[in-house]
N, C-alpha and C. Protein backbone atom coordinates (compact mmCIF):
# COMPACT_ATOMS: atom_id res chain seq x y z
N MET A 1 99.78 204.28 9.95
CA MET A 1 99.91 202.97 10.61
C MET A 1 99.18 201.92 9.78
N ASN A 2 99.83 200.77 9.59
CA ASN A 2 99.22 199.70 8.83
C ASN A 2 98.28 198.88 9.71
N PRO A 3 97.14 198.44 9.16
CA PRO A 3 96.21 197.64 9.95
C PRO A 3 96.83 196.32 10.34
N GLN A 4 96.60 195.90 11.58
CA GLN A 4 97.14 194.63 12.03
C GLN A 4 96.28 193.48 11.52
N PRO A 5 96.89 192.35 11.23
CA PRO A 5 96.17 191.25 10.58
C PRO A 5 95.28 190.47 11.52
N ASP A 6 94.18 189.99 10.96
CA ASP A 6 93.39 188.96 11.63
C ASP A 6 93.97 187.64 11.19
N VAL A 7 94.57 186.89 12.09
CA VAL A 7 95.30 185.70 11.70
C VAL A 7 94.61 184.43 12.19
N THR A 8 93.30 184.44 12.20
CA THR A 8 92.57 183.27 12.66
C THR A 8 92.17 182.39 11.48
N GLY A 9 92.59 181.14 11.54
CA GLY A 9 92.13 180.12 10.61
C GLY A 9 92.29 180.50 9.15
N ALA A 10 91.21 180.25 8.38
CA ALA A 10 91.26 180.44 6.93
C ALA A 10 91.36 181.90 6.52
N SER A 11 91.19 182.82 7.48
CA SER A 11 91.26 184.24 7.13
C SER A 11 92.62 184.62 6.57
N VAL A 12 93.67 183.88 6.93
CA VAL A 12 95.01 184.19 6.45
C VAL A 12 95.04 184.22 4.93
N ARG A 13 94.48 183.22 4.29
CA ARG A 13 94.54 183.15 2.83
C ARG A 13 93.75 184.28 2.18
N GLY A 14 92.79 184.83 2.91
CA GLY A 14 92.01 185.91 2.34
C GLY A 14 92.72 187.25 2.36
N ILE A 15 93.75 187.40 3.20
CA ILE A 15 94.42 188.69 3.32
C ILE A 15 95.87 188.67 2.86
N VAL A 16 96.41 187.49 2.54
CA VAL A 16 97.82 187.40 2.17
C VAL A 16 97.97 186.79 0.77
N ALA A 17 98.58 187.54 -0.13
CA ALA A 17 99.00 187.01 -1.42
C ALA A 17 100.45 186.56 -1.30
N GLY A 18 100.91 185.80 -2.27
CA GLY A 18 102.29 185.34 -2.25
C GLY A 18 103.01 185.70 -3.53
N VAL A 19 104.30 186.02 -3.41
CA VAL A 19 105.14 186.22 -4.59
C VAL A 19 106.36 185.32 -4.47
N LEU A 20 106.57 184.51 -5.49
CA LEU A 20 107.72 183.62 -5.57
C LEU A 20 108.81 184.32 -6.37
N LEU A 21 109.96 184.53 -5.76
CA LEU A 21 111.01 185.34 -6.36
C LEU A 21 111.96 184.47 -7.18
N ALA A 22 111.87 184.61 -8.49
CA ALA A 22 112.74 183.84 -9.39
C ALA A 22 113.30 184.74 -10.48
N GLY A 23 113.52 186.00 -10.14
CA GLY A 23 113.93 186.97 -11.15
C GLY A 23 115.42 187.19 -11.27
N GLY A 24 116.22 186.45 -10.49
CA GLY A 24 117.67 186.66 -10.51
C GLY A 24 118.36 186.04 -11.71
N LEU A 25 119.65 186.33 -11.82
CA LEU A 25 120.44 185.85 -12.96
C LEU A 25 121.12 184.52 -12.70
N SER A 26 121.10 184.02 -11.47
CA SER A 26 121.66 182.70 -11.11
C SER A 26 123.12 182.57 -11.51
N ARG A 27 123.89 183.61 -11.29
CA ARG A 27 125.30 183.58 -11.70
C ARG A 27 126.08 182.48 -10.98
N ARG A 28 125.84 182.33 -9.67
CA ARG A 28 126.61 181.34 -8.92
C ARG A 28 126.24 179.91 -9.27
N MET A 29 125.05 179.73 -9.87
CA MET A 29 124.65 178.40 -10.32
C MET A 29 125.08 178.15 -11.76
N GLY A 30 125.61 179.18 -12.40
CA GLY A 30 126.04 179.03 -13.79
C GLY A 30 124.96 179.37 -14.79
N GLY A 31 123.94 180.10 -14.35
CA GLY A 31 122.86 180.51 -15.24
C GLY A 31 121.68 179.55 -15.18
N GLY A 32 120.62 179.92 -15.88
CA GLY A 32 119.41 179.11 -15.87
C GLY A 32 118.57 179.38 -14.63
N ASP A 33 117.49 178.66 -14.50
CA ASP A 33 116.57 178.85 -13.38
C ASP A 33 116.88 177.84 -12.28
N LYS A 34 117.34 178.34 -11.15
CA LYS A 34 117.66 177.45 -10.04
C LYS A 34 116.43 176.64 -9.62
N CYS A 35 115.27 177.26 -9.67
CA CYS A 35 114.07 176.59 -9.17
C CYS A 35 113.61 175.45 -10.07
N LEU A 36 114.16 175.35 -11.29
CA LEU A 36 113.78 174.25 -12.17
C LEU A 36 114.76 173.08 -12.09
N ARG A 37 115.78 173.20 -11.24
CA ARG A 37 116.66 172.05 -10.99
C ARG A 37 115.86 170.98 -10.25
N ARG A 38 116.25 169.74 -10.43
CA ARG A 38 115.52 168.63 -9.83
C ARG A 38 116.14 168.24 -8.49
N LEU A 39 115.25 167.88 -7.58
CA LEU A 39 115.66 167.48 -6.23
C LEU A 39 114.67 166.46 -5.71
N GLY A 40 115.13 165.25 -5.48
CA GLY A 40 114.28 164.21 -4.91
C GLY A 40 113.07 163.88 -5.75
N GLY A 41 113.20 163.84 -7.06
CA GLY A 41 112.12 163.42 -7.93
C GLY A 41 111.20 164.52 -8.41
N SER A 42 111.43 165.76 -7.99
CA SER A 42 110.63 166.89 -8.46
C SER A 42 111.53 168.10 -8.62
N THR A 43 111.00 169.14 -9.22
CA THR A 43 111.79 170.36 -9.28
C THR A 43 111.71 171.09 -7.94
N ILE A 44 112.68 171.96 -7.71
CA ILE A 44 112.65 172.76 -6.49
C ILE A 44 111.38 173.60 -6.45
N LEU A 45 110.97 174.12 -7.60
CA LEU A 45 109.75 174.93 -7.64
C LEU A 45 108.53 174.11 -7.25
N GLU A 46 108.46 172.87 -7.68
CA GLU A 46 107.34 172.01 -7.29
C GLU A 46 107.31 171.81 -5.78
N ARG A 47 108.46 171.62 -5.18
CA ARG A 47 108.53 171.45 -3.72
C ARG A 47 108.05 172.72 -3.01
N ILE A 48 108.51 173.86 -3.51
CA ILE A 48 108.13 175.13 -2.88
C ILE A 48 106.63 175.37 -3.02
N LEU A 49 106.10 175.11 -4.18
CA LEU A 49 104.66 175.31 -4.39
C LEU A 49 103.84 174.43 -3.44
N ALA A 50 104.26 173.20 -3.25
CA ALA A 50 103.52 172.30 -2.36
C ALA A 50 103.47 172.84 -0.93
N THR A 51 104.51 173.58 -0.54
CA THR A 51 104.56 174.14 0.80
C THR A 51 103.85 175.49 0.90
N VAL A 52 104.02 176.32 -0.12
CA VAL A 52 103.55 177.70 -0.04
C VAL A 52 102.07 177.84 -0.41
N ARG A 53 101.60 177.09 -1.38
CA ARG A 53 100.22 177.26 -1.85
C ARG A 53 99.18 177.19 -0.73
N PRO A 54 99.30 176.24 0.21
CA PRO A 54 98.29 176.19 1.28
C PRO A 54 98.36 177.37 2.25
N GLN A 55 99.43 178.16 2.19
CA GLN A 55 99.64 179.21 3.17
C GLN A 55 99.15 180.58 2.73
N VAL A 56 98.87 180.75 1.44
CA VAL A 56 98.50 182.07 0.92
C VAL A 56 97.27 181.95 0.04
N GLY A 57 96.74 183.10 -0.35
CA GLY A 57 95.66 183.13 -1.32
C GLY A 57 96.23 183.22 -2.73
N PRO A 58 96.01 184.33 -3.43
CA PRO A 58 96.57 184.48 -4.78
C PRO A 58 98.09 184.37 -4.75
N LEU A 59 98.64 183.76 -5.79
CA LEU A 59 100.09 183.50 -5.83
C LEU A 59 100.61 183.85 -7.21
N VAL A 60 101.73 184.56 -7.26
CA VAL A 60 102.33 184.99 -8.52
C VAL A 60 103.81 184.62 -8.52
N LEU A 61 104.33 184.32 -9.70
CA LEU A 61 105.76 184.03 -9.86
C LEU A 61 106.42 185.22 -10.52
N ASN A 62 107.40 185.79 -9.86
CA ASN A 62 108.19 186.89 -10.42
C ASN A 62 109.41 186.31 -11.12
N ALA A 63 109.43 186.40 -12.45
CA ALA A 63 110.54 185.87 -13.24
C ALA A 63 110.68 186.70 -14.51
N ASN A 64 111.91 186.95 -14.89
CA ASN A 64 112.18 187.69 -16.12
C ASN A 64 112.42 186.71 -17.27
N GLY A 65 112.36 187.20 -18.49
CA GLY A 65 112.54 186.33 -19.65
C GLY A 65 111.23 185.69 -20.09
N ASP A 66 111.37 184.66 -20.89
CA ASP A 66 110.21 184.00 -21.50
C ASP A 66 109.39 183.27 -20.43
N PRO A 67 108.14 183.67 -20.19
CA PRO A 67 107.34 183.01 -19.16
C PRO A 67 106.91 181.60 -19.53
N ALA A 68 107.06 181.23 -20.81
CA ALA A 68 106.58 179.91 -21.25
C ALA A 68 107.27 178.77 -20.53
N ARG A 69 108.47 179.01 -20.04
CA ARG A 69 109.19 177.91 -19.37
C ARG A 69 108.54 177.50 -18.06
N PHE A 70 107.62 178.32 -17.57
CA PHE A 70 106.90 178.00 -16.34
C PHE A 70 105.45 177.62 -16.59
N ALA A 71 105.10 177.37 -17.84
CA ALA A 71 103.70 177.15 -18.20
C ALA A 71 103.09 175.97 -17.45
N ALA A 72 103.88 174.96 -17.15
CA ALA A 72 103.35 173.75 -16.52
C ALA A 72 102.90 173.98 -15.08
N TYR A 73 103.25 175.12 -14.49
CA TYR A 73 102.98 175.32 -13.07
C TYR A 73 101.68 176.06 -12.79
N GLY A 74 101.01 176.53 -13.82
CA GLY A 74 99.71 177.15 -13.65
C GLY A 74 99.70 178.41 -12.82
N LEU A 75 100.76 179.19 -12.92
CA LEU A 75 100.89 180.43 -12.16
C LEU A 75 100.94 181.63 -13.09
N PRO A 76 100.40 182.77 -12.68
CA PRO A 76 100.71 184.00 -13.41
C PRO A 76 102.19 184.31 -13.24
N VAL A 77 102.84 184.71 -14.32
CA VAL A 77 104.27 185.02 -14.29
C VAL A 77 104.44 186.48 -14.68
N VAL A 78 105.08 187.26 -13.82
CA VAL A 78 105.27 188.68 -14.10
C VAL A 78 106.74 189.05 -13.94
N PRO A 79 107.28 189.85 -14.86
CA PRO A 79 108.67 190.29 -14.74
C PRO A 79 108.80 191.43 -13.74
N ASP A 80 110.02 191.79 -13.42
CA ASP A 80 110.26 192.93 -12.54
C ASP A 80 109.57 194.17 -13.09
N VAL A 81 108.97 194.95 -12.22
CA VAL A 81 108.29 196.18 -12.65
C VAL A 81 109.26 197.35 -12.74
N VAL A 82 110.53 197.15 -12.35
CA VAL A 82 111.57 198.14 -12.58
C VAL A 82 112.68 197.49 -13.39
N GLU A 83 113.37 198.26 -14.17
CA GLU A 83 114.38 197.72 -15.07
C GLU A 83 115.72 197.51 -14.36
N GLY A 84 116.57 196.72 -15.00
CA GLY A 84 117.95 196.61 -14.57
C GLY A 84 118.27 195.48 -13.62
N PHE A 85 117.43 194.46 -13.51
CA PHE A 85 117.70 193.34 -12.61
C PHE A 85 118.11 193.86 -11.23
N ALA A 86 117.18 194.56 -10.59
CA ALA A 86 117.45 195.26 -9.33
C ALA A 86 117.43 194.35 -8.12
N GLY A 87 117.35 193.04 -8.31
CA GLY A 87 117.45 192.12 -7.19
C GLY A 87 116.10 191.79 -6.55
N PRO A 88 116.15 191.07 -5.43
CA PRO A 88 114.90 190.60 -4.82
C PRO A 88 113.98 191.73 -4.35
N LEU A 89 114.53 192.90 -4.06
CA LEU A 89 113.67 194.01 -3.65
C LEU A 89 112.74 194.42 -4.80
N ALA A 90 113.24 194.32 -6.03
CA ALA A 90 112.37 194.57 -7.19
C ALA A 90 111.28 193.52 -7.27
N GLY A 91 111.59 192.29 -6.89
CA GLY A 91 110.58 191.24 -6.88
C GLY A 91 109.51 191.49 -5.83
N VAL A 92 109.93 192.00 -4.68
CA VAL A 92 108.94 192.35 -3.64
C VAL A 92 108.01 193.43 -4.16
N LEU A 93 108.58 194.48 -4.78
CA LEU A 93 107.74 195.54 -5.35
C LEU A 93 106.81 194.98 -6.41
N THR A 94 107.31 194.10 -7.24
CA THR A 94 106.47 193.48 -8.27
C THR A 94 105.29 192.77 -7.63
N GLY A 95 105.54 192.03 -6.56
CA GLY A 95 104.47 191.33 -5.86
C GLY A 95 103.45 192.29 -5.25
N LEU A 96 103.94 193.38 -4.66
CA LEU A 96 103.04 194.35 -4.03
C LEU A 96 102.15 195.02 -5.07
N GLU A 97 102.74 195.43 -6.19
CA GLU A 97 101.94 196.11 -7.21
C GLU A 97 101.00 195.14 -7.92
N TRP A 98 101.43 193.89 -8.09
CA TRP A 98 100.55 192.89 -8.67
C TRP A 98 99.35 192.64 -7.75
N ALA A 99 99.61 192.52 -6.45
CA ALA A 99 98.52 192.27 -5.50
C ALA A 99 97.55 193.44 -5.46
N ALA A 100 98.06 194.66 -5.51
CA ALA A 100 97.19 195.83 -5.48
C ALA A 100 96.22 195.82 -6.65
N GLU A 101 96.68 195.32 -7.79
CA GLU A 101 95.83 195.32 -8.99
C GLU A 101 95.01 194.05 -9.11
N GLN A 102 95.60 192.90 -8.84
CA GLN A 102 94.97 191.62 -9.12
C GLN A 102 94.32 190.97 -7.90
N ALA A 103 94.69 191.39 -6.71
CA ALA A 103 94.16 190.77 -5.48
C ALA A 103 93.83 191.85 -4.48
N PRO A 104 92.87 192.73 -4.80
CA PRO A 104 92.60 193.89 -3.95
C PRO A 104 92.13 193.54 -2.55
N GLY A 105 91.70 192.32 -2.31
CA GLY A 105 91.30 191.92 -0.97
C GLY A 105 92.47 191.60 -0.06
N CYS A 106 93.65 191.48 -0.63
CA CYS A 106 94.83 191.11 0.15
C CYS A 106 95.56 192.38 0.62
N ARG A 107 95.80 192.45 1.91
CA ARG A 107 96.52 193.60 2.47
C ARG A 107 98.01 193.31 2.61
N TRP A 108 98.40 192.07 2.45
CA TRP A 108 99.78 191.66 2.68
C TRP A 108 100.27 190.80 1.53
N VAL A 109 101.60 190.82 1.33
CA VAL A 109 102.25 189.92 0.39
C VAL A 109 103.40 189.22 1.12
N ALA A 110 103.41 187.90 1.03
CA ALA A 110 104.52 187.11 1.56
C ALA A 110 105.47 186.80 0.41
N SER A 111 106.74 187.10 0.60
CA SER A 111 107.74 186.82 -0.43
C SER A 111 108.55 185.59 -0.06
N VAL A 112 108.85 184.80 -1.08
CA VAL A 112 109.58 183.54 -0.90
C VAL A 112 110.60 183.39 -2.02
N ALA A 113 111.85 183.17 -1.65
CA ALA A 113 112.87 182.88 -2.65
C ALA A 113 112.68 181.47 -3.17
N THR A 114 112.90 181.28 -4.46
CA THR A 114 112.63 179.97 -5.06
C THR A 114 113.87 179.09 -5.17
N ASP A 115 114.89 179.40 -4.37
CA ASP A 115 116.05 178.49 -4.33
C ASP A 115 116.18 177.82 -2.96
N SER A 116 115.12 177.86 -2.15
CA SER A 116 115.13 177.25 -0.82
C SER A 116 114.07 176.16 -0.76
N PRO A 117 114.47 174.91 -0.93
CA PRO A 117 113.48 173.83 -1.10
C PRO A 117 112.88 173.27 0.18
N PHE A 118 113.33 173.71 1.36
CA PHE A 118 112.90 173.06 2.61
C PHE A 118 112.09 174.00 3.50
N LEU A 119 111.27 174.82 2.93
CA LEU A 119 110.56 175.86 3.67
C LEU A 119 109.61 175.30 4.72
N PRO A 120 109.40 176.05 5.82
CA PRO A 120 108.48 175.58 6.86
C PRO A 120 107.02 175.74 6.43
N PRO A 121 106.17 174.79 6.80
CA PRO A 121 104.76 174.86 6.42
C PRO A 121 103.97 175.93 7.17
N ASP A 122 104.57 176.54 8.20
CA ASP A 122 103.89 177.59 8.95
C ASP A 122 104.59 178.94 8.78
N LEU A 123 105.31 179.11 7.69
CA LEU A 123 106.07 180.35 7.46
C LEU A 123 105.18 181.58 7.53
N VAL A 124 104.11 181.61 6.75
CA VAL A 124 103.27 182.80 6.66
C VAL A 124 102.55 183.05 7.97
N ASP A 125 102.03 182.00 8.58
CA ASP A 125 101.33 182.17 9.86
C ASP A 125 102.24 182.79 10.90
N ARG A 126 103.49 182.35 10.97
CA ARG A 126 104.40 182.86 11.98
C ARG A 126 104.85 184.29 11.67
N LEU A 127 104.98 184.62 10.39
CA LEU A 127 105.28 186.01 10.04
C LEU A 127 104.13 186.93 10.43
N LEU A 128 102.91 186.49 10.18
CA LEU A 128 101.75 187.27 10.59
C LEU A 128 101.68 187.44 12.10
N ARG A 129 101.96 186.37 12.82
CA ARG A 129 101.94 186.45 14.28
C ARG A 129 103.00 187.42 14.79
N ALA A 130 104.16 187.42 14.15
CA ALA A 130 105.22 188.33 14.57
C ALA A 130 104.81 189.79 14.37
N VAL A 131 104.17 190.09 13.24
CA VAL A 131 103.69 191.44 12.98
C VAL A 131 102.66 191.84 14.03
N GLU A 132 101.75 190.93 14.30
CA GLU A 132 100.67 191.22 15.26
C GLU A 132 101.22 191.41 16.66
N THR A 133 102.11 190.53 17.09
CA THR A 133 102.65 190.59 18.45
C THR A 133 103.46 191.86 18.69
N ASP A 134 104.26 192.25 17.70
CA ASP A 134 105.17 193.39 17.86
C ASP A 134 104.57 194.71 17.41
N GLY A 135 103.36 194.68 16.85
CA GLY A 135 102.79 195.91 16.31
C GLY A 135 103.65 196.48 15.20
N ALA A 136 104.19 195.60 14.35
CA ALA A 136 105.17 196.00 13.34
C ALA A 136 104.51 196.26 11.99
N ASP A 137 105.29 196.82 11.08
CA ASP A 137 104.85 197.05 9.71
C ASP A 137 105.19 195.87 8.80
N ILE A 138 106.33 195.24 9.08
CA ILE A 138 106.94 194.23 8.21
C ILE A 138 107.48 193.12 9.11
N ALA A 139 107.54 191.90 8.57
CA ALA A 139 108.20 190.81 9.30
C ALA A 139 109.13 190.06 8.35
N CYS A 140 110.19 189.53 8.91
CA CYS A 140 111.05 188.63 8.13
C CYS A 140 111.40 187.42 8.98
N ALA A 141 111.92 186.40 8.31
CA ALA A 141 112.27 185.15 8.98
C ALA A 141 113.70 185.20 9.48
N ARG A 142 113.97 184.36 10.48
CA ARG A 142 115.33 184.21 11.00
C ARG A 142 115.54 182.76 11.39
N SER A 143 116.75 182.26 11.19
CA SER A 143 117.13 180.94 11.67
C SER A 143 118.61 180.96 12.01
N ALA A 144 118.98 180.21 13.02
CA ALA A 144 120.39 180.10 13.44
C ALA A 144 121.02 181.47 13.63
N GLY A 145 120.25 182.43 14.14
CA GLY A 145 120.78 183.76 14.40
C GLY A 145 120.95 184.63 13.18
N ARG A 146 120.48 184.18 12.03
CA ARG A 146 120.66 184.92 10.78
C ARG A 146 119.30 185.33 10.23
N ASP A 147 119.16 186.62 9.90
CA ASP A 147 117.93 187.10 9.28
C ASP A 147 117.88 186.71 7.81
N HIS A 148 116.65 186.44 7.34
CA HIS A 148 116.42 186.09 5.93
C HIS A 148 115.36 187.05 5.39
N PRO A 149 115.74 188.27 5.06
CA PRO A 149 114.73 189.28 4.70
C PRO A 149 113.96 189.00 3.43
N VAL A 150 114.47 188.14 2.54
CA VAL A 150 113.68 187.84 1.34
C VAL A 150 112.48 186.96 1.66
N PHE A 151 112.50 186.32 2.83
CA PHE A 151 111.33 185.59 3.31
C PHE A 151 110.60 186.53 4.26
N GLY A 152 109.75 187.36 3.66
CA GLY A 152 109.16 188.44 4.44
C GLY A 152 107.68 188.60 4.22
N LEU A 153 107.10 189.43 5.05
CA LEU A 153 105.69 189.78 4.95
C LEU A 153 105.61 191.30 4.83
N TRP A 154 104.98 191.76 3.74
CA TRP A 154 105.01 193.17 3.36
C TRP A 154 103.60 193.71 3.17
N PRO A 155 103.29 194.87 3.74
CA PRO A 155 101.97 195.46 3.52
C PRO A 155 101.88 196.07 2.12
N VAL A 156 100.80 195.79 1.44
CA VAL A 156 100.57 196.35 0.10
C VAL A 156 100.59 197.88 0.18
N ALA A 157 100.20 198.44 1.31
CA ALA A 157 100.15 199.89 1.48
C ALA A 157 101.53 200.55 1.34
N LEU A 158 102.62 199.78 1.44
CA LEU A 158 103.95 200.36 1.32
C LEU A 158 104.52 200.27 -0.10
N ALA A 159 103.71 199.90 -1.07
CA ALA A 159 104.21 199.76 -2.44
C ALA A 159 104.80 201.06 -2.97
N ALA A 160 104.12 202.17 -2.79
CA ALA A 160 104.62 203.45 -3.31
C ALA A 160 105.93 203.85 -2.62
N ASP A 161 106.02 203.60 -1.33
CA ASP A 161 107.25 203.89 -0.59
C ASP A 161 108.41 203.07 -1.13
N LEU A 162 108.17 201.81 -1.40
CA LEU A 162 109.23 200.95 -1.94
C LEU A 162 109.61 201.37 -3.35
N ARG A 163 108.64 201.74 -4.17
CA ARG A 163 108.97 202.20 -5.53
C ARG A 163 109.87 203.44 -5.48
N ARG A 164 109.57 204.37 -4.61
CA ARG A 164 110.42 205.56 -4.48
C ARG A 164 111.84 205.17 -4.07
N ALA A 165 111.95 204.24 -3.11
CA ALA A 165 113.27 203.82 -2.65
C ALA A 165 114.08 203.18 -3.77
N LEU A 166 113.43 202.35 -4.57
CA LEU A 166 114.13 201.66 -5.66
C LEU A 166 114.48 202.60 -6.81
N VAL A 167 113.51 203.36 -7.26
CA VAL A 167 113.67 204.15 -8.48
C VAL A 167 114.39 205.47 -8.23
N GLU A 168 114.01 206.15 -7.16
CA GLU A 168 114.56 207.49 -6.93
C GLU A 168 115.82 207.48 -6.08
N GLU A 169 115.94 206.50 -5.18
CA GLU A 169 117.07 206.47 -4.27
C GLU A 169 118.08 205.38 -4.59
N GLY A 170 117.72 204.46 -5.45
CA GLY A 170 118.65 203.38 -5.80
C GLY A 170 118.87 202.35 -4.72
N VAL A 171 117.95 202.23 -3.77
CA VAL A 171 118.08 201.22 -2.71
C VAL A 171 117.97 199.83 -3.34
N ARG A 172 118.85 198.94 -2.97
CA ARG A 172 118.84 197.58 -3.53
C ARG A 172 118.78 196.48 -2.48
N LYS A 173 119.20 196.75 -1.28
CA LYS A 173 119.21 195.73 -0.23
C LYS A 173 117.83 195.63 0.44
N VAL A 174 117.31 194.43 0.49
CA VAL A 174 116.01 194.22 1.14
C VAL A 174 116.06 194.70 2.58
N ALA A 175 117.12 194.32 3.30
CA ALA A 175 117.22 194.68 4.71
C ALA A 175 117.31 196.20 4.90
N ALA A 176 117.94 196.89 3.96
CA ALA A 176 118.09 198.34 4.08
C ALA A 176 116.73 199.03 4.03
N TRP A 177 115.88 198.60 3.11
CA TRP A 177 114.56 199.22 3.04
C TRP A 177 113.67 198.76 4.19
N ALA A 178 113.70 197.48 4.51
CA ALA A 178 112.87 196.98 5.61
C ALA A 178 113.22 197.68 6.91
N GLY A 179 114.52 198.01 7.09
CA GLY A 179 114.96 198.64 8.32
C GLY A 179 114.44 200.05 8.53
N ARG A 180 113.84 200.62 7.50
CA ARG A 180 113.25 201.95 7.64
C ARG A 180 111.89 201.90 8.35
N HIS A 181 111.37 200.70 8.49
CA HIS A 181 110.03 200.52 9.03
C HIS A 181 110.11 199.67 10.29
N ARG A 182 108.99 199.58 11.00
CA ARG A 182 108.95 198.74 12.20
C ARG A 182 109.00 197.28 11.77
N LEU A 183 110.07 196.62 12.15
CA LEU A 183 110.35 195.27 11.66
C LEU A 183 110.25 194.26 12.78
N ALA A 184 109.47 193.21 12.54
CA ALA A 184 109.39 192.07 13.46
C ALA A 184 110.14 190.90 12.85
N VAL A 185 110.57 189.99 13.68
CA VAL A 185 111.32 188.82 13.23
C VAL A 185 110.65 187.56 13.76
N ALA A 186 110.48 186.58 12.89
CA ALA A 186 109.96 185.28 13.28
C ALA A 186 111.10 184.27 13.26
N ASP A 187 111.40 183.69 14.42
CA ASP A 187 112.51 182.73 14.53
C ASP A 187 112.04 181.32 14.20
N PHE A 188 112.87 180.61 13.45
CA PHE A 188 112.59 179.23 13.09
C PHE A 188 113.77 178.35 13.49
N PRO A 189 113.51 177.13 13.97
CA PRO A 189 114.61 176.23 14.32
C PRO A 189 115.40 175.81 13.08
N ALA A 190 116.70 175.64 13.26
CA ALA A 190 117.58 175.29 12.14
C ALA A 190 117.98 173.82 12.14
N LYS A 191 117.37 173.01 12.98
CA LYS A 191 117.68 171.58 13.03
C LYS A 191 116.41 170.77 12.84
N PRO A 192 116.48 169.61 12.20
CA PRO A 192 117.70 168.96 11.68
C PRO A 192 118.23 169.62 10.40
N VAL A 193 117.40 170.44 9.75
CA VAL A 193 117.83 171.14 8.54
C VAL A 193 117.34 172.58 8.63
N ASP A 194 118.19 173.51 8.25
CA ASP A 194 117.77 174.90 8.22
C ASP A 194 116.71 175.06 7.13
N PRO A 195 115.49 175.53 7.47
CA PRO A 195 114.44 175.61 6.46
C PRO A 195 114.72 176.65 5.37
N PHE A 196 115.73 177.51 5.59
CA PHE A 196 116.05 178.52 4.60
C PHE A 196 117.37 178.23 3.89
N PHE A 197 117.81 176.98 4.00
CA PHE A 197 118.97 176.53 3.22
C PHE A 197 118.69 176.81 1.75
N ASN A 198 119.66 177.45 1.05
CA ASN A 198 119.41 177.77 -0.35
C ASN A 198 120.41 177.10 -1.28
N THR A 199 119.94 176.84 -2.47
CA THR A 199 120.74 176.14 -3.48
C THR A 199 121.28 177.17 -4.48
N ASN A 200 122.15 178.03 -4.00
CA ASN A 200 122.73 179.08 -4.84
C ASN A 200 123.76 178.55 -5.82
N ARG A 201 124.51 177.51 -5.39
CA ARG A 201 125.63 177.00 -6.18
C ARG A 201 125.45 175.51 -6.45
N PRO A 202 126.15 174.98 -7.44
CA PRO A 202 126.04 173.54 -7.71
C PRO A 202 126.32 172.69 -6.48
N GLU A 203 127.29 173.08 -5.68
CA GLU A 203 127.60 172.29 -4.48
C GLU A 203 126.48 172.35 -3.45
N ASP A 204 125.75 173.46 -3.42
CA ASP A 204 124.59 173.54 -2.52
C ASP A 204 123.49 172.58 -2.96
N LEU A 205 123.28 172.49 -4.26
CA LEU A 205 122.28 171.56 -4.77
C LEU A 205 122.67 170.12 -4.44
N GLU A 206 123.94 169.81 -4.56
CA GLU A 206 124.39 168.46 -4.20
C GLU A 206 124.18 168.19 -2.72
N GLU A 207 124.41 169.19 -1.87
CA GLU A 207 124.18 169.02 -0.45
C GLU A 207 122.70 168.81 -0.16
N ALA A 208 121.84 169.54 -0.86
CA ALA A 208 120.41 169.35 -0.69
C ALA A 208 120.00 167.94 -1.09
N ARG A 209 120.56 167.43 -2.16
CA ARG A 209 120.26 166.06 -2.58
C ARG A 209 120.73 165.05 -1.55
N ARG A 210 121.89 165.34 -0.94
CA ARG A 210 122.38 164.44 0.10
C ARG A 210 121.43 164.42 1.29
N MET A 211 120.92 165.59 1.68
CA MET A 211 120.01 165.66 2.82
C MET A 211 118.71 164.91 2.54
N VAL A 212 118.21 165.03 1.32
CA VAL A 212 117.00 164.30 0.95
C VAL A 212 117.26 162.79 0.97
N ALA A 213 118.38 162.38 0.38
CA ALA A 213 118.72 160.96 0.33
C ALA A 213 118.92 160.38 1.72
N ALA A 214 119.42 161.19 2.65
CA ALA A 214 119.67 160.74 4.02
C ALA A 214 118.39 160.74 4.86
N GLY A 215 117.29 161.21 4.30
CA GLY A 215 116.04 161.24 5.04
C GLY A 215 115.92 162.36 6.05
N LEU A 216 116.81 163.36 5.97
CA LEU A 216 116.74 164.49 6.89
C LEU A 216 115.53 165.38 6.59
N VAL A 217 115.10 165.37 5.34
CA VAL A 217 113.90 166.09 4.91
C VAL A 217 113.12 165.16 3.98
N ALA A 218 111.85 165.45 3.82
CA ALA A 218 111.03 164.59 2.96
C ALA A 218 111.35 164.85 1.49
């Protein structure tokens, strides 16, 4: 059984590390780093950092390829710890193993996809509350009736279990592995803008720009 979190005040940052998932191939965007696209005067990654940094303690960026392209952001950059571009689940494992080595005081890792520029400022707190309330092992976000498992809270203690699932069993779906454990869900309102809206395609990025221009989001 995983220890339940103490989620009072500043203690959250002491027990939760963060991993920003940017290890994908961005095929639907036509290649390149989706998080480095510009939106409302800043990059998507800058927007995400402004929201996520206050919510966690140590923070790492999971990205493959040359890390120099992220040098301006002042983050440690680590590639997938398993080969073959195994998807966001590989990024979660990367975050868990990084935290075990680099942030031993953290029992949890919050994962965040870097193509969603409108994240809620209470994401991590609500994921922690969901775990605590339900006595769960893992939590993920939900909005408009849809689960978003890449926005999750994962115990560092499950790193070895996840590595076995990825390497020995070939599991690739985040939800498939999360479903093996006690899973809690944190619901978020989807109006006026879904906080997990993602900019997977060029048209999505244009829609995000329209929402910013219309004042629907800051």
